[in-house]
């Protein structure tokens, strides 16, 4: 399974590392971000920005609730309320992950 991180978080880590760098004790101005010959933060920041982004959605977890009624028998998704005839790993309607049960 692949890991996804926020680009802004990665750049913040780079900027924090640059602030700790002995090369420039005063830190860097965002408008003038010089190349640090010790840590190469500018180069790394540009490389992080150049990585293409992925189209990902957060994982939504749900659970199956047993539904027994006069006309409805099956399992109800706790996320979208859709009724399914069987307990699958994912809701066929909204895609919620049901494996945490």
N, C-alpha and C. Protein backbone atom coordinates (compact mmCIF):
# COMPACT_ATOMS: atom_id res chain seq x y z
N UNK A 1 0.84 -1.17 0.00
CA UNK A 1 0.00 0.00 0.00
C UNK A 1 0.89 1.24 0.00
N UNK A 2 0.55 2.21 -0.79
CA UNK A 2 1.34 3.42 -0.90
C UNK A 2 1.00 4.40 0.21
N UNK A 3 1.98 5.21 0.59
CA UNK A 3 1.78 6.26 1.58
C UNK A 3 1.61 7.59 0.86
N UNK A 4 0.73 8.41 1.33
CA UNK A 4 0.53 9.74 0.77
C UNK A 4 0.74 10.75 1.88
N UNK A 5 1.46 11.82 1.54
CA UNK A 5 1.71 12.88 2.50
C UNK A 5 1.28 14.21 1.89
N UNK A 6 1.08 15.20 2.73
CA UNK A 6 0.75 16.53 2.24
C UNK A 6 2.04 17.23 1.82
N UNK A 7 2.04 17.80 0.63
CA UNK A 7 3.21 18.51 0.11
C UNK A 7 3.63 19.63 1.06
N UNK A 8 2.65 20.37 1.62
CA UNK A 8 2.95 21.47 2.52
C UNK A 8 3.69 20.99 3.76
N UNK A 9 3.33 19.78 4.26
CA UNK A 9 4.00 19.23 5.43
C UNK A 9 5.46 18.90 5.13
N UNK A 10 5.71 18.34 3.96
CA UNK A 10 7.08 18.00 3.57
C UNK A 10 7.92 19.27 3.43
N UNK A 11 7.37 20.30 2.83
CA UNK A 11 8.10 21.55 2.66
C UNK A 11 8.36 22.21 4.01
N UNK A 12 7.41 22.09 4.94
CA UNK A 12 7.61 22.65 6.28
C UNK A 12 8.77 21.95 6.98
N UNK A 13 8.87 20.63 6.82
CA UNK A 13 9.99 19.89 7.42
C UNK A 13 11.31 20.39 6.85
N UNK A 14 11.34 20.62 5.52
CA UNK A 14 12.56 21.14 4.90
C UNK A 14 12.89 22.54 5.42
N UNK A 15 11.87 23.38 5.52
CA UNK A 15 12.10 24.74 6.00
C UNK A 15 12.58 24.73 7.45
N UNK A 16 12.00 23.85 8.28
CA UNK A 16 12.44 23.75 9.68
C UNK A 16 13.89 23.29 9.76
N UNK A 17 14.27 22.35 8.89
CA UNK A 17 15.66 21.87 8.86
C UNK A 17 16.58 23.00 8.46
N UNK A 18 16.15 23.84 7.55
CA UNK A 18 16.96 24.96 7.09
C UNK A 18 17.14 25.98 8.21
N UNK A 19 16.10 26.20 9.00
CA UNK A 19 16.20 27.14 10.11
C UNK A 19 17.24 26.69 11.14
N UNK A 20 17.44 25.37 11.25
CA UNK A 20 18.40 24.83 12.21
C UNK A 20 19.82 24.78 11.63
N UNK A 21 19.94 25.07 10.35
CA UNK A 21 21.22 24.97 9.66
C UNK A 21 22.19 26.03 10.19
N UNK A 22 23.43 25.64 10.37
CA UNK A 22 24.46 26.55 10.88
C UNK A 22 24.88 27.58 9.82
N UNK A 23 24.54 27.33 8.56
CA UNK A 23 24.98 28.20 7.48
C UNK A 23 24.40 29.60 7.60
N UNK A 24 23.14 29.67 8.03
CA UNK A 24 22.49 30.97 8.15
C UNK A 24 21.73 31.00 9.47
N UNK A 25 22.32 31.56 10.49
CA UNK A 25 21.69 31.57 11.81
C UNK A 25 20.46 32.46 11.87
N UNK A 26 20.30 33.39 10.92
CA UNK A 26 19.14 34.28 10.90
C UNK A 26 17.96 33.68 10.15
N UNK A 27 18.09 32.51 9.58
CA UNK A 27 17.00 31.91 8.79
C UNK A 27 16.97 32.50 7.40
N UNK A 28 15.95 32.17 6.65
CA UNK A 28 15.81 32.62 5.27
C UNK A 28 14.51 33.38 5.09
N UNK A 29 14.51 34.33 4.19
CA UNK A 29 13.32 35.06 3.81
C UNK A 29 12.63 34.28 2.70
N UNK A 30 11.32 34.06 2.77
CA UNK A 30 10.61 33.27 1.76
C UNK A 30 10.79 33.83 0.35
N UNK A 31 10.89 35.16 0.20
CA UNK A 31 11.06 35.75 -1.12
C UNK A 31 12.47 35.54 -1.65
N UNK A 32 13.43 35.43 -0.76
CA UNK A 32 14.82 35.22 -1.16
C UNK A 32 15.32 33.98 -0.44
N UNK A 33 15.07 32.83 -1.02
CA UNK A 33 15.43 31.55 -0.39
C UNK A 33 16.73 31.06 -1.02
N UNK A 34 17.89 31.44 -0.49
CA UNK A 34 19.16 31.10 -1.13
C UNK A 34 19.47 29.61 -1.03
N UNK A 35 20.33 29.14 -1.92
CA UNK A 35 20.75 27.75 -1.86
C UNK A 35 21.75 27.60 -0.72
N UNK A 36 21.40 26.77 0.21
CA UNK A 36 22.28 26.48 1.33
C UNK A 36 23.25 25.40 0.89
N UNK A 37 24.53 25.69 0.90
CA UNK A 37 25.52 24.72 0.43
C UNK A 37 25.68 23.54 1.38
N UNK A 38 25.13 23.67 2.57
CA UNK A 38 25.24 22.58 3.54
C UNK A 38 24.07 21.60 3.42
N UNK A 39 22.87 22.11 3.35
CA UNK A 39 21.71 21.20 3.38
C UNK A 39 20.90 21.17 2.09
N UNK A 40 21.17 22.05 1.15
CA UNK A 40 20.49 22.08 -0.14
C UNK A 40 18.97 22.09 0.00
N UNK A 41 18.47 22.85 0.94
CA UNK A 41 17.03 22.89 1.20
C UNK A 41 16.27 23.44 -0.01
N UNK A 42 16.80 24.47 -0.65
CA UNK A 42 16.10 25.03 -1.80
C UNK A 42 15.93 24.00 -2.89
N UNK A 43 16.98 23.28 -3.19
CA UNK A 43 16.92 22.23 -4.21
C UNK A 43 15.87 21.19 -3.82
N UNK A 44 15.90 20.76 -2.57
CA UNK A 44 14.94 19.75 -2.10
C UNK A 44 13.52 20.26 -2.17
N UNK A 45 13.31 21.53 -1.79
CA UNK A 45 11.97 22.10 -1.82
C UNK A 45 11.45 22.15 -3.26
N UNK A 46 12.30 22.53 -4.20
CA UNK A 46 11.89 22.56 -5.61
C UNK A 46 11.59 21.17 -6.12
N UNK A 47 12.35 20.18 -5.70
CA UNK A 47 12.11 18.81 -6.12
C UNK A 47 10.78 18.29 -5.57
N UNK A 48 10.47 18.62 -4.33
CA UNK A 48 9.18 18.21 -3.74
C UNK A 48 8.04 18.86 -4.51
N UNK A 49 8.19 20.14 -4.85
CA UNK A 49 7.14 20.83 -5.61
C UNK A 49 6.98 20.25 -7.01
N UNK A 50 8.03 19.66 -7.56
CA UNK A 50 7.97 19.12 -8.92
C UNK A 50 7.31 17.75 -9.00
N UNK A 51 7.15 17.08 -7.87
CA UNK A 51 6.52 15.75 -7.87
C UNK A 51 5.05 15.91 -8.23
N UNK A 52 4.56 15.16 -9.24
CA UNK A 52 3.15 15.28 -9.60
C UNK A 52 2.26 14.80 -8.46
N UNK A 53 1.14 15.46 -8.29
CA UNK A 53 0.22 15.08 -7.22
C UNK A 53 -0.65 13.91 -7.66
N UNK A 54 -1.12 13.17 -6.68
CA UNK A 54 -2.02 12.05 -6.90
C UNK A 54 -3.44 12.48 -6.54
N UNK A 55 -4.40 11.91 -7.21
CA UNK A 55 -5.80 12.19 -6.91
C UNK A 55 -6.27 11.13 -5.92
N UNK A 56 -6.26 11.47 -4.65
CA UNK A 56 -6.63 10.51 -3.60
C UNK A 56 -7.78 11.08 -2.77
N UNK A 57 -8.51 10.18 -2.18
CA UNK A 57 -9.60 10.57 -1.29
C UNK A 57 -9.36 9.92 0.06
N UNK A 58 -9.76 10.56 1.14
CA UNK A 58 -9.58 9.94 2.45
C UNK A 58 -10.42 8.67 2.57
N UNK A 59 -9.90 7.71 3.32
CA UNK A 59 -10.62 6.46 3.55
C UNK A 59 -11.73 6.71 4.55
N UNK A 60 -12.94 6.30 4.20
CA UNK A 60 -14.09 6.42 5.09
C UNK A 60 -14.40 5.02 5.63
N UNK A 61 -14.44 4.90 6.95
CA UNK A 61 -14.74 3.61 7.58
C UNK A 61 -16.19 3.60 8.04
N UNK A 62 -16.78 2.45 7.92
CA UNK A 62 -18.16 2.27 8.38
C UNK A 62 -18.33 0.88 8.96
N UNK A 63 -19.56 0.55 9.29
CA UNK A 63 -19.84 -0.80 9.77
C UNK A 63 -21.20 -1.22 9.26
N UNK A 64 -21.39 -2.51 9.18
CA UNK A 64 -22.67 -3.05 8.75
C UNK A 64 -23.58 -3.20 9.97
N UNK A 65 -24.80 -2.69 9.87
CA UNK A 65 -25.82 -2.87 10.90
C UNK A 65 -26.87 -3.80 10.33
N UNK A 66 -27.15 -4.87 11.05
CA UNK A 66 -28.13 -5.84 10.56
C UNK A 66 -29.50 -5.19 10.49
N UNK A 67 -30.17 -5.40 9.38
CA UNK A 67 -31.48 -4.79 9.13
C UNK A 67 -32.48 -5.91 8.91
N UNK A 68 -33.47 -5.99 9.79
CA UNK A 68 -34.54 -6.98 9.64
C UNK A 68 -35.85 -6.25 9.71
N UNK A 69 -36.58 -6.30 8.65
CA UNK A 69 -37.88 -5.66 8.61
C UNK A 69 -38.82 -6.48 7.76
N UNK A 70 -40.03 -6.00 7.62
CA UNK A 70 -41.03 -6.72 6.84
C UNK A 70 -40.61 -6.83 5.38
N UNK A 71 -40.09 -5.75 4.81
CA UNK A 71 -39.71 -5.76 3.40
C UNK A 71 -38.20 -5.61 3.19
N UNK A 72 -37.45 -5.35 4.25
CA UNK A 72 -36.01 -5.17 4.11
C UNK A 72 -35.26 -6.16 4.99
N UNK A 73 -34.43 -6.96 4.37
CA UNK A 73 -33.57 -7.88 5.09
C UNK A 73 -32.17 -7.71 4.51
N UNK A 74 -31.19 -7.56 5.37
CA UNK A 74 -29.83 -7.39 4.90
C UNK A 74 -29.02 -6.59 5.90
N UNK A 75 -28.09 -5.84 5.37
CA UNK A 75 -27.19 -5.07 6.20
C UNK A 75 -27.18 -3.62 5.73
N UNK A 76 -27.27 -2.71 6.71
CA UNK A 76 -27.34 -1.28 6.39
C UNK A 76 -25.97 -0.65 6.64
N UNK A 77 -25.50 0.12 5.67
CA UNK A 77 -24.24 0.83 5.79
C UNK A 77 -24.41 1.98 6.78
N UNK A 78 -23.48 2.08 7.75
CA UNK A 78 -23.56 3.14 8.75
C UNK A 78 -23.19 4.51 8.17
N UNK A 79 -22.59 4.54 6.98
CA UNK A 79 -22.18 5.81 6.38
C UNK A 79 -23.28 6.39 5.51
N UNK A 80 -23.78 5.60 4.56
CA UNK A 80 -24.76 6.14 3.60
C UNK A 80 -26.18 5.62 3.80
N UNK A 81 -26.34 4.56 4.61
CA UNK A 81 -27.67 4.03 4.87
C UNK A 81 -28.18 3.05 3.83
N UNK A 82 -27.38 2.76 2.82
CA UNK A 82 -27.79 1.83 1.77
C UNK A 82 -27.88 0.41 2.34
N UNK A 83 -28.85 -0.36 1.86
CA UNK A 83 -29.05 -1.74 2.30
C UNK A 83 -28.34 -2.67 1.31
N UNK A 84 -27.57 -3.61 1.85
CA UNK A 84 -26.87 -4.60 1.04
C UNK A 84 -27.32 -5.98 1.49
N UNK A 85 -27.35 -6.91 0.56
CA UNK A 85 -27.80 -8.26 0.90
C UNK A 85 -26.73 -9.05 1.66
N UNK A 86 -25.48 -8.64 1.53
CA UNK A 86 -24.42 -9.38 2.20
C UNK A 86 -23.38 -8.43 2.79
N UNK A 87 -22.62 -8.93 3.75
CA UNK A 87 -21.58 -8.13 4.40
C UNK A 87 -20.29 -8.24 3.57
N UNK A 88 -20.01 -7.23 2.80
CA UNK A 88 -18.77 -7.20 2.05
C UNK A 88 -17.73 -6.36 2.75
N UNK A 89 -16.52 -6.31 2.19
CA UNK A 89 -15.45 -5.50 2.76
C UNK A 89 -15.67 -4.01 2.52
N UNK A 90 -16.48 -3.68 1.51
CA UNK A 90 -16.77 -2.29 1.16
C UNK A 90 -18.25 -2.14 0.85
N UNK A 91 -18.80 -0.97 1.13
CA UNK A 91 -20.18 -0.69 0.77
C UNK A 91 -20.25 -0.53 -0.75
N UNK A 92 -21.15 -1.24 -1.43
CA UNK A 92 -21.23 -1.12 -2.88
C UNK A 92 -21.76 0.23 -3.35
N UNK A 93 -22.37 0.99 -2.44
CA UNK A 93 -22.93 2.28 -2.82
C UNK A 93 -21.94 3.43 -2.62
N UNK A 94 -21.40 3.57 -1.41
CA UNK A 94 -20.52 4.72 -1.12
C UNK A 94 -19.04 4.36 -1.06
N UNK A 95 -18.71 3.07 -1.01
CA UNK A 95 -17.32 2.65 -0.99
C UNK A 95 -16.67 2.64 0.38
N UNK A 96 -17.46 2.84 1.45
CA UNK A 96 -16.90 2.86 2.80
C UNK A 96 -16.21 1.53 3.11
N UNK A 97 -15.09 1.60 3.78
CA UNK A 97 -14.32 0.43 4.16
C UNK A 97 -14.95 -0.18 5.41
N UNK A 98 -15.41 -1.42 5.29
CA UNK A 98 -16.09 -2.10 6.40
C UNK A 98 -15.19 -3.12 7.10
N UNK A 99 -13.89 -3.14 6.75
CA UNK A 99 -13.00 -4.17 7.27
C UNK A 99 -12.59 -3.94 8.71
N UNK A 100 -12.93 -2.84 9.33
CA UNK A 100 -12.52 -2.58 10.71
C UNK A 100 -13.41 -3.28 11.72
N UNK A 101 -14.44 -3.94 11.25
CA UNK A 101 -15.35 -4.64 12.18
C UNK A 101 -14.67 -5.81 12.82
